[in-house]
Amino acid sequence: MDTLKDKFFSIYAEVFDEKGNPKACGRRKCAELIALCYQVDGKNDFGNIQTGIMNVSNIISLKEKLSQN
């Protein structure tokens, strides 16, 4: 069974390329990633789940933080 961290990295790879640039993946996938970010860390602003508009810098920071663990 996938952990929350595994799921985050899986969805992250669908939304961002290797250089941290957003892909054209659609709002639903972005909203899914935002929701996962809030589950992992509810203290930061990762974007709007309803619109799929992401706070890219905070999402990338969370990815870097999780990569270190």
PDB file of N, CA and C in Angstrom:
ATOM      1  N   MET A   1       0.843  -1.187   0.000  1.00  0.00           N
ATOM      2  CA  MET A   1       0.000   0.000   0.000  1.00  0.00           C
ATOM      3  C   MET A   1       0.888   1.250   0.000  1.00  0.00           C
ATOM      4  N   ASP A   2       0.519   2.209  -0.824  1.00  0.00           N
ATOM      5  CA  ASP A   2       1.284   3.442  -0.914  1.00  0.00           C
ATOM      6  C   ASP A   2       1.103   4.298   0.326  1.00  0.00           C
ATOM      7  N   THR A   3       2.186   4.888   0.749  1.00  0.00           N
ATOM      8  CA  THR A   3       2.101   5.847   1.842  1.00  0.00           C
ATOM      9  C   THR A   3       1.687   7.189   1.253  1.00  0.00           C
ATOM     10  N   LEU A   4       1.340   8.111   2.114  1.00  0.00           N
ATOM     11  CA  LEU A   4       0.976   9.457   1.688  1.00  0.00           C
ATOM     12  C   LEU A   4       2.147  10.098   0.943  1.00  0.00           C
ATOM     13  N   LYS A   5       3.357   9.865   1.434  1.00  0.00           N
ATOM     14  CA  LYS A   5       4.557  10.410   0.806  1.00  0.00           C
ATOM     15  C   LYS A   5       4.745   9.829  -0.599  1.00  0.00           C
ATOM     16  N   ASP A   6       4.540   8.525  -0.744  1.00  0.00           N
ATOM     17  CA  ASP A   6       4.655   7.886  -2.059  1.00  0.00           C
ATOM     18  C   ASP A   6       3.633   8.460  -3.039  1.00  0.00           C
ATOM     19  N   LYS A   7       2.418   8.635  -2.555  1.00  0.00           N
ATOM     20  CA  LYS A   7       1.356   9.186  -3.404  1.00  0.00           C
ATOM     21  C   LYS A   7       1.698  10.618  -3.812  1.00  0.00           C
ATOM     22  N   PHE A   8       2.236  11.396  -2.863  1.00  0.00           N
ATOM     23  CA  PHE A   8       2.644  12.768  -3.173  1.00  0.00           C
ATOM     24  C   PHE A   8       3.646  12.780  -4.325  1.00  0.00           C
ATOM     25  N   PHE A   9       4.693  11.953  -4.215  1.00  0.00           N
ATOM     26  CA  PHE A   9       5.726  11.944  -5.256  1.00  0.00           C
ATOM     27  C   PHE A   9       5.179  11.460  -6.596  1.00  0.00           C
ATOM     28  N   SER A  10       4.249  10.534  -6.560  1.00  0.00           N
ATOM     29  CA  SER A  10       3.644  10.040  -7.793  1.00  0.00           C
ATOM     30  C   SER A  10       2.845  11.138  -8.501  1.00  0.00           C
ATOM     31  N   ILE A  11       1.992  11.822  -7.754  1.00  0.00           N
ATOM     32  CA  ILE A  11       1.189  12.904  -8.344  1.00  0.00           C
ATOM     33  C   ILE A  11       2.084  14.084  -8.720  1.00  0.00           C
ATOM     34  N   TYR A  12       3.070  14.384  -7.881  1.00  0.00           N
ATOM     35  CA  TYR A  12       4.013  15.472  -8.183  1.00  0.00           C
ATOM     36  C   TYR A  12       4.643  15.252  -9.562  1.00  0.00           C
ATOM     37  N   ALA A  13       5.052  14.014  -9.853  1.00  0.00           N
ATOM     38  CA  ALA A  13       5.687  13.695 -11.137  1.00  0.00           C
ATOM     39  C   ALA A  13       4.727  13.865 -12.317  1.00  0.00           C
ATOM     40  N   GLU A  14       3.431  13.778 -12.062  1.00  0.00           N
ATOM     41  CA  GLU A  14       2.448  13.998 -13.114  1.00  0.00           C
ATOM     42  C   GLU A  14       2.201  15.487 -13.351  1.00  0.00           C
ATOM     43  N   VAL A  15       2.461  16.300 -12.331  1.00  0.00           N
ATOM     44  CA  VAL A  15       2.159  17.730 -12.399  1.00  0.00           C
ATOM     45  C   VAL A  15       3.393  18.562 -12.768  1.00  0.00           C
ATOM     46  N   PHE A  16       4.575  18.137 -12.329  1.00  0.00           N
ATOM     47  CA  PHE A  16       5.807  18.884 -12.586  1.00  0.00           C
ATOM     48  C   PHE A  16       6.806  18.040 -13.360  1.00  0.00           C
ATOM     49  N   ASP A  17       7.624  18.707 -14.188  1.00  0.00           N
ATOM     50  CA  ASP A  17       8.700  17.988 -14.859  1.00  0.00           C
ATOM     51  C   ASP A  17       9.922  17.910 -13.934  1.00  0.00           C
ATOM     52  N   GLU A  18      11.013  17.345 -14.438  1.00  0.00           N
ATOM     53  CA  GLU A  18      12.207  17.132 -13.627  1.00  0.00           C
ATOM     54  C   GLU A  18      12.841  18.433 -13.148  1.00  0.00           C
ATOM     55  N   LYS A  19      12.587  19.530 -13.877  1.00  0.00           N
ATOM     56  CA  LYS A  19      13.169  20.830 -13.530  1.00  0.00           C
ATOM     57  C   LYS A  19      12.258  21.666 -12.646  1.00  0.00           C
ATOM     58  N   GLY A  20      11.101  21.121 -12.271  1.00  0.00           N
ATOM     59  CA  GLY A  20      10.170  21.844 -11.420  1.00  0.00           C
ATOM     60  C   GLY A  20       9.200  22.741 -12.165  1.00  0.00           C
ATOM     61  N   ASN A  21       9.109  22.561 -13.472  1.00  0.00           N
ATOM     62  CA  ASN A  21       8.161  23.339 -14.271  1.00  0.00           C
ATOM     63  C   ASN A  21       6.823  22.612 -14.328  1.00  0.00           C
ATOM     64  N   PRO A  22       5.714  23.347 -14.147  1.00  0.00           N
ATOM     65  CA  PRO A  22       4.401  22.699 -14.236  1.00  0.00           C
ATOM     66  C   PRO A  22       4.141  22.149 -15.637  1.00  0.00           C
ATOM     67  N   LYS A  23       3.542  20.970 -15.685  1.00  0.00           N
ATOM     68  CA  LYS A  23       3.133  20.353 -16.947  1.00  0.00           C
ATOM     69  C   LYS A  23       1.687  20.743 -17.244  1.00  0.00           C
ATOM     70  N   ALA A  24       1.277  20.536 -18.473  1.00  0.00           N
ATOM     71  CA  ALA A  24      -0.114  20.751 -18.859  1.00  0.00           C
ATOM     72  C   ALA A  24      -0.893  19.485 -18.513  1.00  0.00           C
ATOM     73  N   CYS A  25      -1.264  19.356 -17.244  1.00  0.00           N
ATOM     74  CA  CYS A  25      -1.885  18.118 -16.766  1.00  0.00           C
ATOM     75  C   CYS A  25      -3.365  18.294 -16.424  1.00  0.00           C
ATOM     76  N   GLY A  26      -3.828  19.517 -16.409  1.00  0.00           N
ATOM     77  CA  GLY A  26      -5.231  19.772 -16.082  1.00  0.00           C
ATOM     78  C   GLY A  26      -5.428  20.158 -14.624  1.00  0.00           C
ATOM     79  N   ARG A  27      -6.502  20.873 -14.385  1.00  0.00           N
ATOM     80  CA  ARG A  27      -6.790  21.390 -13.042  1.00  0.00           C
ATOM     81  C   ARG A  27      -7.087  20.302 -12.020  1.00  0.00           C
ATOM     82  N   ARG A  28      -7.715  19.230 -12.441  1.00  0.00           N
ATOM     83  CA  ARG A  28      -8.056  18.164 -11.486  1.00  0.00           C
ATOM     84  C   ARG A  28      -6.809  17.541 -10.870  1.00  0.00           C
ATOM     85  N   LYS A  29      -5.811  17.300 -11.692  1.00  0.00           N
ATOM     86  CA  LYS A  29      -4.574  16.710 -11.187  1.00  0.00           C
ATOM     87  C   LYS A  29      -3.861  17.702 -10.273  1.00  0.00           C
ATOM     88  N   CYS A  30      -3.866  18.978 -10.636  1.00  0.00           N
ATOM     89  CA  CYS A  30      -3.263  20.014  -9.781  1.00  0.00           C
ATOM     90  C   CYS A  30      -4.000  20.083  -8.444  1.00  0.00           C
ATOM     91  N   ALA A  31      -5.323  20.037  -8.487  1.00  0.00           N
ATOM     92  CA  ALA A  31      -6.128  20.075  -7.257  1.00  0.00           C
ATOM     93  C   ALA A  31      -5.837  18.853  -6.389  1.00  0.00           C
ATOM     94  N   GLU A  32      -5.632  17.708  -7.017  1.00  0.00           N
ATOM     95  CA  GLU A  32      -5.297  16.491  -6.273  1.00  0.00           C
ATOM     96  C   GLU A  32      -3.956  16.661  -5.557  1.00  0.00           C
ATOM     97  N   LEU A  33      -2.984  17.252  -6.251  1.00  0.00           N
ATOM     98  CA  LEU A  33      -1.683  17.494  -5.635  1.00  0.00           C
ATOM     99  C   LEU A  33      -1.802  18.501  -4.486  1.00  0.00           C
ATOM    100  N   ILE A  34      -2.554  19.555  -4.681  1.00  0.00           N
ATOM    101  CA  ILE A  34      -2.754  20.560  -3.631  1.00  0.00           C
ATOM    102  C   ILE A  34      -3.363  19.905  -2.392  1.00  0.00           C
ATOM    103  N   ALA A  35      -4.366  19.071  -2.585  1.00  0.00           N
ATOM    104  CA  ALA A  35      -5.016  18.388  -1.462  1.00  0.00           C
ATOM    105  C   ALA A  35      -4.022  17.496  -0.718  1.00  0.00           C
ATOM    106  N   LEU A  36      -3.175  16.787  -1.452  1.00  0.00           N
ATOM    107  CA  LEU A  36      -2.153  15.950  -0.822  1.00  0.00           C
ATOM    108  C   LEU A  36      -1.168  16.793  -0.018  1.00  0.00           C
ATOM    109  N   CYS A  37      -0.795  17.931  -0.570  1.00  0.00           N
ATOM    110  CA  CYS A  37       0.119  18.829   0.150  1.00  0.00           C
ATOM    111  C   CYS A  37      -0.484  19.245   1.486  1.00  0.00           C
ATOM    112  N   TYR A  38      -1.760  19.596   1.485  1.00  0.00           N
ATOM    113  CA  TYR A  38      -2.423  19.998   2.729  1.00  0.00           C
ATOM    114  C   TYR A  38      -2.512  18.838   3.720  1.00  0.00           C
ATOM    115  N   GLN A  39      -2.620  17.609   3.221  1.00  0.00           N
ATOM    116  CA  GLN A  39      -2.641  16.446   4.111  1.00  0.00           C
ATOM    117  C   GLN A  39      -1.276  16.234   4.760  1.00  0.00           C
ATOM    118  N   VAL A  40      -0.224  16.475   4.002  1.00  0.00           N
ATOM    119  CA  VAL A  40       1.126  16.289   4.510  1.00  0.00           C
ATOM    120  C   VAL A  40       1.512  17.434   5.450  1.00  0.00           C
ATOM    121  N   ASP A  41       1.164  18.665   5.062  1.00  0.00           N
ATOM    122  CA  ASP A  41       1.555  19.854   5.820  1.00  0.00           C
ATOM    123  C   ASP A  41       0.418  20.864   5.749  1.00  0.00           C
ATOM    124  N   GLY A  42      -0.385  20.917   6.788  1.00  0.00           N
ATOM    125  CA  GLY A  42      -1.535  21.813   6.804  1.00  0.00           C
ATOM    126  C   GLY A  42      -1.224  23.243   7.200  1.00  0.00           C
ATOM    127  N   LYS A  43       0.051  23.561   7.389  1.00  0.00           N
ATOM    128  CA  LYS A  43       0.431  24.884   7.879  1.00  0.00           C
ATOM    129  C   LYS A  43       0.735  25.888   6.768  1.00  0.00           C
ATOM    130  N   ASN A  44       1.003  25.422   5.563  1.00  0.00           N
ATOM    131  CA  ASN A  44       1.392  26.314   4.468  1.00  0.00           C
ATOM    132  C   ASN A  44       0.292  26.429   3.422  1.00  0.00           C
ATOM    133  N   ASP A  45       0.403  27.453   2.585  1.00  0.00           N
ATOM    134  CA  ASP A  45      -0.546  27.679   1.496  1.00  0.00           C
ATOM    135  C   ASP A  45      -0.007  27.009   0.235  1.00  0.00           C
ATOM    136  N   PHE A  46      -0.699  25.977  -0.226  1.00  0.00           N
ATOM    137  CA  PHE A  46      -0.267  25.257  -1.414  1.00  0.00           C
ATOM    138  C   PHE A  46      -1.124  25.568  -2.633  1.00  0.00           C
ATOM    139  N   GLY A  47      -2.165  26.348  -2.443  1.00  0.00           N
ATOM    140  CA  GLY A  47      -3.022  26.724  -3.557  1.00  0.00           C
ATOM    141  C   GLY A  47      -4.482  26.491  -3.224  1.00  0.00           C
ATOM    142  N   ASN A  48      -5.299  26.604  -4.251  1.00  0.00           N
ATOM    143  CA  ASN A  48      -6.744  26.502  -4.104  1.00  0.00           C
ATOM    144  C   ASN A  48      -7.227  25.167  -4.685  1.00  0.00           C
ATOM    145  N   ILE A  49      -7.771  24.336  -3.843  1.00  0.00           N
ATOM    146  CA  ILE A  49      -8.235  23.014  -4.287  1.00  0.00           C
ATOM    147  C   ILE A  49      -9.392  23.133  -5.286  1.00  0.00           C
ATOM    148  N   GLN A  50     -10.266  24.127  -5.102  1.00  0.00           N
ATOM    149  CA  GLN A  50     -11.416  24.283  -6.001  1.00  0.00           C
ATOM    150  C   GLN A  50     -11.000  24.661  -7.422  1.00  0.00           C
ATOM    151  N   THR A  51     -10.018  25.560  -7.544  1.00  0.00           N
ATOM    152  CA  THR A  51      -9.629  26.045  -8.872  1.00  0.00           C
ATOM    153  C   THR A  51      -8.435  25.299  -9.458  1.00  0.00           C
ATOM    154  N   GLY A  52      -7.656  24.638  -8.604  1.00  0.00           N
ATOM    155  CA  GLY A  52      -6.454  23.963  -9.078  1.00  0.00           C
ATOM    156  C   GLY A  52      -5.276  24.910  -9.270  1.00  0.00           C
ATOM    157  N   ILE A  53      -5.436  26.160  -8.835  1.00  0.00           N
ATOM    158  CA  ILE A  53      -4.343  27.134  -8.947  1.00  0.00           C
ATOM    159  C   ILE A  53      -3.346  26.856  -7.823  1.00  0.00           C
ATOM    160  N   MET A  54      -2.108  26.575  -8.214  1.00  0.00           N
ATOM    161  CA  MET A  54      -1.099  26.128  -7.257  1.00  0.00           C
ATOM    162  C   MET A  54      -0.206  27.274  -6.777  1.00  0.00           C
ATOM    163  N   ASN A  55       0.276  27.130  -5.550  1.00  0.00           N
ATOM    164  CA  ASN A  55       1.362  27.958  -5.040  1.00  0.00           C
ATOM    165  C   ASN A  55       2.624  27.129  -5.294  1.00  0.00           C
ATOM    166  N   VAL A  56       3.179  27.312  -6.465  1.00  0.00           N
ATOM    167  CA  VAL A  56       4.260  26.456  -6.969  1.00  0.00           C
ATOM    168  C   VAL A  56       5.463  26.442  -6.030  1.00  0.00           C
ATOM    169  N   SER A  57       5.866  27.592  -5.550  1.00  0.00           N
ATOM    170  CA  SER A  57       7.064  27.649  -4.710  1.00  0.00           C
ATOM    171  C   SER A  57       6.891  26.843  -3.428  1.00  0.00           C
ATOM    172  N   ASN A  58       5.712  26.889  -2.817  1.00  0.00           N
ATOM    173  CA  ASN A  58       5.485  26.114  -1.593  1.00  0.00           C
ATOM    174  C   ASN A  58       5.406  24.621  -1.871  1.00  0.00           C
ATOM    175  N   ILE A  59       4.843  24.253  -3.006  1.00  0.00           N
ATOM    176  CA  ILE A  59       4.774  22.826  -3.362  1.00  0.00           C
ATOM    177  C   ILE A  59       6.176  22.281  -3.621  1.00  0.00           C
ATOM    178  N   ILE A  60       6.995  23.046  -4.329  1.00  0.00           N
ATOM    179  CA  ILE A  60       8.364  22.608  -4.593  1.00  0.00           C
ATOM    180  C   ILE A  60       9.151  22.532  -3.288  1.00  0.00           C
ATOM    181  N   SER A  61       8.943  23.484  -2.388  1.00  0.00           N
ATOM    182  CA  SER A  61       9.621  23.448  -1.080  1.00  0.00           C
ATOM    183  C   SER A  61       9.236  22.202  -0.296  1.00  0.00           C
ATOM    184  N   LEU A  62       7.955  21.829  -0.338  1.00  0.00           N
ATOM    185  CA  LEU A  62       7.506  20.618   0.347  1.00  0.00           C
ATOM    186  C   LEU A  62       8.159  19.388  -0.272  1.00  0.00           C
ATOM    187  N   LYS A  63       8.258  19.353  -1.580  1.00  0.00           N
ATOM    188  CA  LYS A  63       8.904  18.222  -2.270  1.00  0.00           C
ATOM    189  C   LYS A  63      10.352  18.095  -1.832  1.00  0.00           C
ATOM    190  N   GLU A  64      11.052  19.226  -1.757  1.00  0.00           N
ATOM    191  CA  GLU A  64      12.451  19.199  -1.316  1.00  0.00           C
ATOM    192  C   GLU A  64      12.564  18.721   0.120  1.00  0.00           C
ATOM    193  N   LYS A  65      11.656  19.171   0.969  1.00  0.00           N
ATOM    194  CA  LYS A  65      11.659  18.758   2.381  1.00  0.00           C
ATOM    195  C   LYS A  65      11.416  17.245   2.495  1.00  0.00           C
ATOM    196  N   LEU A  66      10.444  16.730   1.754  1.00  0.00           N
ATOM    197  CA  LEU A  66      10.136  15.307   1.803  1.00  0.00           C
ATOM    198  C   LEU A  66      11.258  14.455   1.190  1.00  0.00           C
ATOM    199  N   SER A  67      11.971  15.009   0.231  1.00  0.00           N
ATOM    200  CA  SER A  67      13.074  14.286  -0.405  1.00  0.00           C
ATOM    201  C   SER A  67      14.237  14.075   0.552  1.00  0.00           C
ATOM    202  N   GLN A  68      14.368  14.957   1.532  1.00  0.00           N
ATOM    203  CA  GLN A  68      15.468  14.856   2.488  1.00  0.00           C
ATOM    204  C   GLN A  68      15.202  13.775   3.537  1.00  0.00           C
ATOM    205  N   ASN A  69      13.953  13.443   3.750  1.00  0.00           N
ATOM    206  CA  ASN A  69      13.592  12.447   4.776  1.00  0.00           C
ATOM    207  C   ASN A  69      13.696  11.034   4.245  1.00  0.00           C
TER     208      ASN A  69
END
